[in-house]
Amino acid sequence: QGLCEPIVQDRSAFDASQDPERAAGFV
């Protein structure tokens, strides 16, 4: 969330961070 949220500027980074598999794909 801290890495990506300033770039996407929405809560999608927070949502992705709740699951490590989703987080890896998101980044």
PDB file of all heavy atoms in Angstrom:
ATOM      1  N   GLN A   1       0.832  -1.204   0.000  1.00  0.00           N
ATOM      2  CA  GLN A   1       0.000   0.000   0.000  1.00  0.00           C
ATOM      3  C   GLN A   1       0.867   1.255   0.000  1.00  0.00           C
ATOM      4  O   GLN A   1       0.638   2.179  -0.795  1.00  0.00           O
ATOM      5  CB  GLN A   1      -0.932   0.007   1.207  1.00  0.00           C
ATOM      6  CG  GLN A   1      -1.841   1.238   1.246  1.00  0.00           C
ATOM      7  CD  GLN A   1      -2.710   1.299   2.490  1.00  0.00           C
ATOM      8  OE1 GLN A   1      -2.602   0.444   3.374  1.00  0.00           O
ATOM      9  NE2 GLN A   1      -3.562   2.301   2.580  1.00  0.00           N
ATOM     10  N   GLY A   2       1.863   1.312   0.884  1.00  0.00           N
ATOM     11  CA  GLY A   2       2.703   2.495   0.972  1.00  0.00           C
ATOM     12  C   GLY A   2       3.510   2.737  -0.287  1.00  0.00           C
ATOM     13  O   GLY A   2       3.778   3.884  -0.658  1.00  0.00           O
ATOM     14  N   LEU A   3       3.914   1.659  -0.983  1.00  0.00           N
ATOM     15  CA  LEU A   3       4.682   1.800  -2.215  1.00  0.00           C
ATOM     16  C   LEU A   3       3.825   2.279  -3.381  1.00  0.00           C
ATOM     17  O   LEU A   3       4.225   3.153  -4.154  1.00  0.00           O
ATOM     18  CB  LEU A   3       5.339   0.455  -2.564  1.00  0.00           C
ATOM     19  CG  LEU A   3       6.085   0.393  -3.902  1.00  0.00           C
ATOM     20  CD1 LEU A   3       7.339   1.260  -3.862  1.00  0.00           C
ATOM     21  CD2 LEU A   3       6.446  -1.051  -4.245  1.00  0.00           C
ATOM     22  N   CYS A   4       2.627   1.695  -3.499  1.00  0.00           N
ATOM     23  CA  CYS A   4       1.820   1.896  -4.705  1.00  0.00           C
ATOM     24  C   CYS A   4       0.742   2.970  -4.595  1.00  0.00           C
ATOM     25  O   CYS A   4       0.355   3.563  -5.601  1.00  0.00           O
ATOM     26  CB  CYS A   4       1.166   0.572  -5.114  1.00  0.00           C
ATOM     27  SG  CYS A   4       2.348  -0.751  -5.457  1.00  0.00           S
ATOM     28  N   GLU A   5       0.238   3.210  -3.392  1.00  0.00           N
ATOM     29  CA  GLU A   5      -0.900   4.128  -3.261  1.00  0.00           C
ATOM     30  C   GLU A   5      -0.593   5.544  -3.749  1.00  0.00           C
ATOM     31  O   GLU A   5      -1.453   6.166  -4.393  1.00  0.00           O
ATOM     32  CB  GLU A   5      -1.375   4.157  -1.814  1.00  0.00           C
ATOM     33  CG  GLU A   5      -2.769   4.756  -1.654  1.00  0.00           C
ATOM     34  CD  GLU A   5      -3.336   4.478  -0.266  1.00  0.00           C
ATOM     35  OE1 GLU A   5      -2.795   5.030   0.705  1.00  0.00           O
ATOM     36  OE2 GLU A   5      -4.293   3.707  -0.150  1.00  0.00           O
ATOM     37  N   PRO A   6       0.609   6.100  -3.509  1.00  0.00           N
ATOM     38  CA  PRO A   6       0.878   7.434  -4.050  1.00  0.00           C
ATOM     39  C   PRO A   6       0.843   7.489  -5.573  1.00  0.00           C
ATOM     40  O   PRO A   6       0.664   8.562  -6.149  1.00  0.00           O
ATOM     41  CB  PRO A   6       2.289   7.744  -3.523  1.00  0.00           C
ATOM     42  CG  PRO A   6       2.438   6.895  -2.315  1.00  0.00           C
ATOM     43  CD  PRO A   6       1.697   5.633  -2.629  1.00  0.00           C
ATOM     44  N   ILE A   7       0.999   6.336  -6.225  1.00  0.00           N
ATOM     45  CA  ILE A   7       0.996   6.291  -7.687  1.00  0.00           C
ATOM     46  C   ILE A   7      -0.421   6.121  -8.221  1.00  0.00           C
ATOM     47  O   ILE A   7      -0.867   6.862  -9.098  1.00  0.00           O
ATOM     48  CB  ILE A   7       1.901   5.141  -8.187  1.00  0.00           C
ATOM     49  CG1 ILE A   7       3.331   5.339  -7.673  1.00  0.00           C
ATOM     50  CG2 ILE A   7       1.882   5.065  -9.718  1.00  0.00           C
ATOM     51  CD1 ILE A   7       4.245   4.175  -7.946  1.00  0.00           C
ATOM     52  N   VAL A   8      -1.161   5.147  -7.692  1.00  0.00           N
ATOM     53  CA  VAL A   8      -2.511   4.877  -8.208  1.00  0.00           C
ATOM     54  C   VAL A   8      -3.533   5.856  -7.659  1.00  0.00           C
ATOM     55  O   VAL A   8      -4.579   6.098  -8.256  1.00  0.00           O
ATOM     56  CB  VAL A   8      -2.935   3.427  -7.913  1.00  0.00           C
ATOM     57  CG1 VAL A   8      -2.007   2.446  -8.599  1.00  0.00           C
ATOM     58  CG2 VAL A   8      -2.955   3.140  -6.406  1.00  0.00           C
ATOM     59  N   GLN A   9      -3.268   6.392  -6.447  1.00  0.00           N
ATOM     60  CA  GLN A   9      -4.122   7.396  -5.806  1.00  0.00           C
ATOM     61  C   GLN A   9      -5.578   6.927  -5.648  1.00  0.00           C
ATOM     62  O   GLN A   9      -6.518   7.683  -5.849  1.00  0.00           O
ATOM     63  CB  GLN A   9      -4.060   8.713  -6.583  1.00  0.00           C
ATOM     64  CG  GLN A   9      -2.672   9.337  -6.559  1.00  0.00           C
ATOM     65  CD  GLN A   9      -2.628  10.715  -7.167  1.00  0.00           C
ATOM     66  OE1 GLN A   9      -3.481  11.093  -7.944  1.00  0.00           O
ATOM     67  NE2 GLN A   9      -1.616  11.479  -6.798  1.00  0.00           N
ATOM     68  N   ASP A  10      -5.718   5.653  -5.317  1.00  0.00           N
ATOM     69  CA  ASP A  10      -7.024   5.124  -4.928  1.00  0.00           C
ATOM     70  C   ASP A  10      -6.771   3.956  -3.981  1.00  0.00           C
ATOM     71  O   ASP A  10      -5.627   3.679  -3.626  1.00  0.00           O
ATOM     72  CB  ASP A  10      -7.869   4.715  -6.143  1.00  0.00           C
ATOM     73  CG  ASP A  10      -7.207   3.630  -7.002  1.00  0.00           C
ATOM     74  OD1 ASP A  10      -6.478   2.777  -6.439  1.00  0.00           O
ATOM     75  OD2 ASP A  10      -7.408   3.624  -8.221  1.00  0.00           O
ATOM     76  N   ARG A  11      -7.815   3.271  -3.566  1.00  0.00           N
ATOM     77  CA  ARG A  11      -7.635   2.229  -2.554  1.00  0.00           C
ATOM     78  C   ARG A  11      -7.318   0.859  -3.148  1.00  0.00           C
ATOM     79  O   ARG A  11      -7.297  -0.145  -2.433  1.00  0.00           O
ATOM     80  CB  ARG A  11      -8.863   2.132  -1.660  1.00  0.00           C
ATOM     81  CG  ARG A  11     -10.153   1.730  -2.296  1.00  0.00           C
ATOM     82  CD  ARG A  11     -11.184   1.392  -1.218  1.00  0.00           C
ATOM     83  NE  ARG A  11     -10.850   0.168  -0.521  1.00  0.00           N
ATOM     84  CZ  ARG A  11     -11.278  -0.137   0.706  1.00  0.00           C
ATOM     85  NH1 ARG A  11     -12.021   0.718   1.372  1.00  0.00           N
ATOM     86  NH2 ARG A  11     -10.945  -1.286   1.282  1.00  0.00           N
ATOM     87  N   SER A  12      -7.053   0.800  -4.466  1.00  0.00           N
ATOM     88  CA  SER A  12      -6.751  -0.498  -5.066  1.00  0.00           C
ATOM     89  C   SER A  12      -5.478  -1.109  -4.476  1.00  0.00           C
ATOM     90  O   SER A  12      -5.367  -2.326  -4.346  1.00  0.00           O
ATOM     91  CB  SER A  12      -6.619  -0.373  -6.586  1.00  0.00           C
ATOM     92  OG  SER A  12      -5.597   0.546  -6.936  1.00  0.00           O
ATOM     93  N   ALA A  13      -4.500  -0.262  -4.112  1.00  0.00           N
ATOM     94  CA  ALA A  13      -3.279  -0.786  -3.511  1.00  0.00           C
ATOM     95  C   ALA A  13      -3.566  -1.384  -2.131  1.00  0.00           C
ATOM     96  O   ALA A  13      -3.019  -2.429  -1.768  1.00  0.00           O
ATOM     97  CB  ALA A  13      -2.229   0.319  -3.396  1.00  0.00           C
ATOM     98  N   PHE A  14      -4.423  -0.724  -1.362  1.00  0.00           N
ATOM     99  CA  PHE A  14      -4.813  -1.272  -0.055  1.00  0.00           C
ATOM    100  C   PHE A  14      -5.525  -2.609  -0.232  1.00  0.00           C
ATOM    101  O   PHE A  14      -5.236  -3.579   0.479  1.00  0.00           O
ATOM    102  CB  PHE A  14      -5.720  -0.298   0.677  1.00  0.00           C
ATOM    103  CG  PHE A  14      -6.388  -0.885   1.903  1.00  0.00           C
ATOM    104  CD1 PHE A  14      -5.678  -1.021   3.084  1.00  0.00           C
ATOM    105  CD2 PHE A  14      -7.702  -1.326   1.858  1.00  0.00           C
ATOM    106  CE1 PHE A  14      -6.277  -1.581   4.209  1.00  0.00           C
ATOM    107  CE2 PHE A  14      -8.306  -1.885   2.967  1.00  0.00           C
ATOM    108  CZ  PHE A  14      -7.588  -2.009   4.154  1.00  0.00           C
ATOM    109  N   ASP A  15      -6.450  -2.675  -1.173  1.00  0.00           N
ATOM    110  CA  ASP A  15      -7.189  -3.917  -1.403  1.00  0.00           C
ATOM    111  C   ASP A  15      -6.236  -5.049  -1.782  1.00  0.00           C
ATOM    112  O   ASP A  15      -6.358  -6.177  -1.300  1.00  0.00           O
ATOM    113  CB  ASP A  15      -8.235  -3.718  -2.502  1.00  0.00           C
ATOM    114  CG  ASP A  15      -9.340  -2.764  -2.081  1.00  0.00           C
ATOM    115  OD1 ASP A  15      -9.593  -2.647  -0.861  1.00  0.00           O
ATOM    116  OD2 ASP A  15      -9.949  -2.135  -2.958  1.00  0.00           O
ATOM    117  N   ALA A  16      -5.270  -4.746  -2.660  1.00  0.00           N
ATOM    118  CA  ALA A  16      -4.327  -5.776  -3.101  1.00  0.00           C
ATOM    119  C   ALA A  16      -3.453  -6.258  -1.951  1.00  0.00           C
ATOM    120  O   ALA A  16      -3.110  -7.442  -1.874  1.00  0.00           O
ATOM    121  CB  ALA A  16      -3.453  -5.235  -4.238  1.00  0.00           C
ATOM    122  N   SER A  17      -3.114  -5.358  -1.032  1.00  0.00           N
ATOM    123  CA  SER A  17      -2.209  -5.724   0.057  1.00  0.00           C
ATOM    124  C   SER A  17      -2.830  -6.703   1.051  1.00  0.00           C
ATOM    125  O   SER A  17      -2.119  -7.289   1.870  1.00  0.00           O
ATOM    126  CB  SER A  17      -1.750  -4.466   0.803  1.00  0.00           C
ATOM    127  OG  SER A  17      -2.814  -3.906   1.558  1.00  0.00           O
ATOM    128  N   GLN A  18      -4.133  -6.899   0.980  1.00  0.00           N
ATOM    129  CA  GLN A  18      -4.790  -7.800   1.929  1.00  0.00           C
ATOM    130  C   GLN A  18      -4.555  -9.268   1.614  1.00  0.00           C
ATOM    131  O   GLN A  18      -4.827 -10.141   2.448  1.00  0.00           O
ATOM    132  CB  GLN A  18      -6.303  -7.510   1.956  1.00  0.00           C
ATOM    133  CG  GLN A  18      -6.649  -6.067   2.293  1.00  0.00           C
ATOM    134  CD  GLN A  18      -5.985  -5.597   3.569  1.00  0.00           C
ATOM    135  OE1 GLN A  18      -6.261  -6.105   4.648  1.00  0.00           O
ATOM    136  NE2 GLN A  18      -5.091  -4.610   3.446  1.00  0.00           N
ATOM    137  N   ASP A  19      -4.056  -9.557   0.420  1.00  0.00           N
ATOM    138  CA  ASP A  19      -3.792 -10.939   0.016  1.00  0.00           C
ATOM    139  C   ASP A  19      -2.429 -10.972  -0.674  1.00  0.00           C
ATOM    140  O   ASP A  19      -2.218 -10.236  -1.638  1.00  0.00           O
ATOM    141  CB  ASP A  19      -4.883 -11.439  -0.938  1.00  0.00           C
ATOM    142  CG  ASP A  19      -4.605 -12.845  -1.444  1.00  0.00           C
ATOM    143  OD1 ASP A  19      -4.975 -13.814  -0.771  1.00  0.00           O
ATOM    144  OD2 ASP A  19      -4.005 -12.960  -2.532  1.00  0.00           O
ATOM    145  N   PRO A  20      -1.473 -11.782  -0.212  1.00  0.00           N
ATOM    146  CA  PRO A  20      -0.117 -11.718  -0.770  1.00  0.00           C
ATOM    147  C   PRO A  20      -0.038 -12.113  -2.242  1.00  0.00           C
ATOM    148  O   PRO A  20       0.788 -11.570  -2.983  1.00  0.00           O
ATOM    149  CB  PRO A  20       0.676 -12.691   0.116  1.00  0.00           C
ATOM    150  CG  PRO A  20      -0.354 -13.588   0.737  1.00  0.00           C
ATOM    151  CD  PRO A  20      -1.582 -12.753   0.896  1.00  0.00           C
ATOM    152  N   GLU A  21      -0.890 -13.039  -2.671  1.00  0.00           N
ATOM    153  CA  GLU A  21      -0.874 -13.417  -4.085  1.00  0.00           C
ATOM    154  C   GLU A  21      -1.324 -12.257  -4.966  1.00  0.00           C
ATOM    155  O   GLU A  21      -0.706 -11.943  -5.984  1.00  0.00           O
ATOM    156  CB  GLU A  21      -1.781 -14.634  -4.308  1.00  0.00           C
ATOM    157  CG  GLU A  21      -1.770 -15.135  -5.748  1.00  0.00           C
ATOM    158  CD  GLU A  21      -2.623 -16.382  -5.938  1.00  0.00           C
ATOM    159  OE1 GLU A  21      -3.089 -16.939  -4.921  1.00  0.00           O
ATOM    160  OE2 GLU A  21      -2.821 -16.787  -7.089  1.00  0.00           O
ATOM    161  N   ARG A  22      -2.398 -11.592  -4.548  1.00  0.00           N
ATOM    162  CA  ARG A  22      -2.863 -10.414  -5.277  1.00  0.00           C
ATOM    163  C   ARG A  22      -1.837  -9.303  -5.212  1.00  0.00           C
ATOM    164  O   ARG A  22      -1.614  -8.580  -6.189  1.00  0.00           O
ATOM    165  CB  ARG A  22      -4.177  -9.917  -4.694  1.00  0.00           C
ATOM    166  CG  ARG A  22      -5.380 -10.779  -4.989  1.00  0.00           C
ATOM    167  CD  ARG A  22      -6.566 -10.354  -4.132  1.00  0.00           C
ATOM    168  NE  ARG A  22      -6.858  -8.933  -4.269  1.00  0.00           N
ATOM    169  CZ  ARG A  22      -7.554  -8.236  -3.372  1.00  0.00           C
ATOM    170  NH1 ARG A  22      -8.010  -8.834  -2.285  1.00  0.00           N
ATOM    171  NH2 ARG A  22      -7.802  -6.964  -3.576  1.00  0.00           N
ATOM    172  N   ALA A  23      -1.199  -9.145  -4.059  1.00  0.00           N
ATOM    173  CA  ALA A  23      -0.204  -8.091  -3.890  1.00  0.00           C
ATOM    174  C   ALA A  23       0.958  -8.274  -4.864  1.00  0.00           C
ATOM    175  O   ALA A  23       1.426  -7.308  -5.479  1.00  0.00           O
ATOM    176  CB  ALA A  23       0.310  -8.087  -2.451  1.00  0.00           C
ATOM    177  N   ALA A  24       1.434  -9.512  -5.018  1.00  0.00           N
ATOM    178  CA  ALA A  24       2.548  -9.768  -5.934  1.00  0.00           C
ATOM    179  C   ALA A  24       2.167  -9.417  -7.369  1.00  0.00           C
ATOM    180  O   ALA A  24       2.927  -8.753  -8.081  1.00  0.00           O
ATOM    181  CB  ALA A  24       2.971 -11.234  -5.835  1.00  0.00           C
ATOM    182  N   GLY A  25       0.981  -9.852  -7.791  1.00  0.00           N
ATOM    183  CA  GLY A  25       0.542  -9.532  -9.140  1.00  0.00           C
ATOM    184  C   GLY A  25       0.322  -8.049  -9.342  1.00  0.00           C
ATOM    185  O   GLY A  25       0.623  -7.494 -10.408  1.00  0.00           O
ATOM    186  N   PHE A  26      -0.183  -7.371  -8.323  1.00  0.00           N
ATOM    187  CA  PHE A  26      -0.463  -5.935  -8.418  1.00  0.00           C
ATOM    188  C   PHE A  26       0.831  -5.151  -8.647  1.00  0.00           C
ATOM    189  O   PHE A  26       0.916  -4.292  -9.530  1.00  0.00           O
ATOM    190  CB  PHE A  26      -1.148  -5.474  -7.135  1.00  0.00           C
ATOM    191  CG  PHE A  26      -1.642  -4.053  -7.163  1.00  0.00           C
ATOM    192  CD1 PHE A  26      -2.915  -3.766  -7.632  1.00  0.00           C
ATOM    193  CD2 PHE A  26      -0.844  -3.015  -6.719  1.00  0.00           C
ATOM    194  CE1 PHE A  26      -3.385  -2.455  -7.660  1.00  0.00           C
ATOM    195  CE2 PHE A  26      -1.297  -1.699  -6.732  1.00  0.00           C
ATOM    196  CZ  PHE A  26      -2.577  -1.425  -7.208  1.00  0.00           C
ATOM    197  N   VAL A  27       1.855  -5.455  -7.846  1.00  0.00           N
ATOM    198  CA  VAL A  27       3.124  -4.738  -7.976  1.00  0.00           C
ATOM    199  C   VAL A  27       3.801  -5.076  -9.300  1.00  0.00           C
ATOM    200  O   VAL A  27       4.362  -4.198  -9.973  1.00  0.00           O
ATOM    201  CB  VAL A  27       4.052  -5.067  -6.791  1.00  0.00           C
ATOM    202  CG1 VAL A  27       5.411  -4.388  -6.961  1.00  0.00           C
ATOM    203  CG2 VAL A  27       3.413  -4.635  -5.481  1.00  0.00           C
TER     204      VAL A  27
END
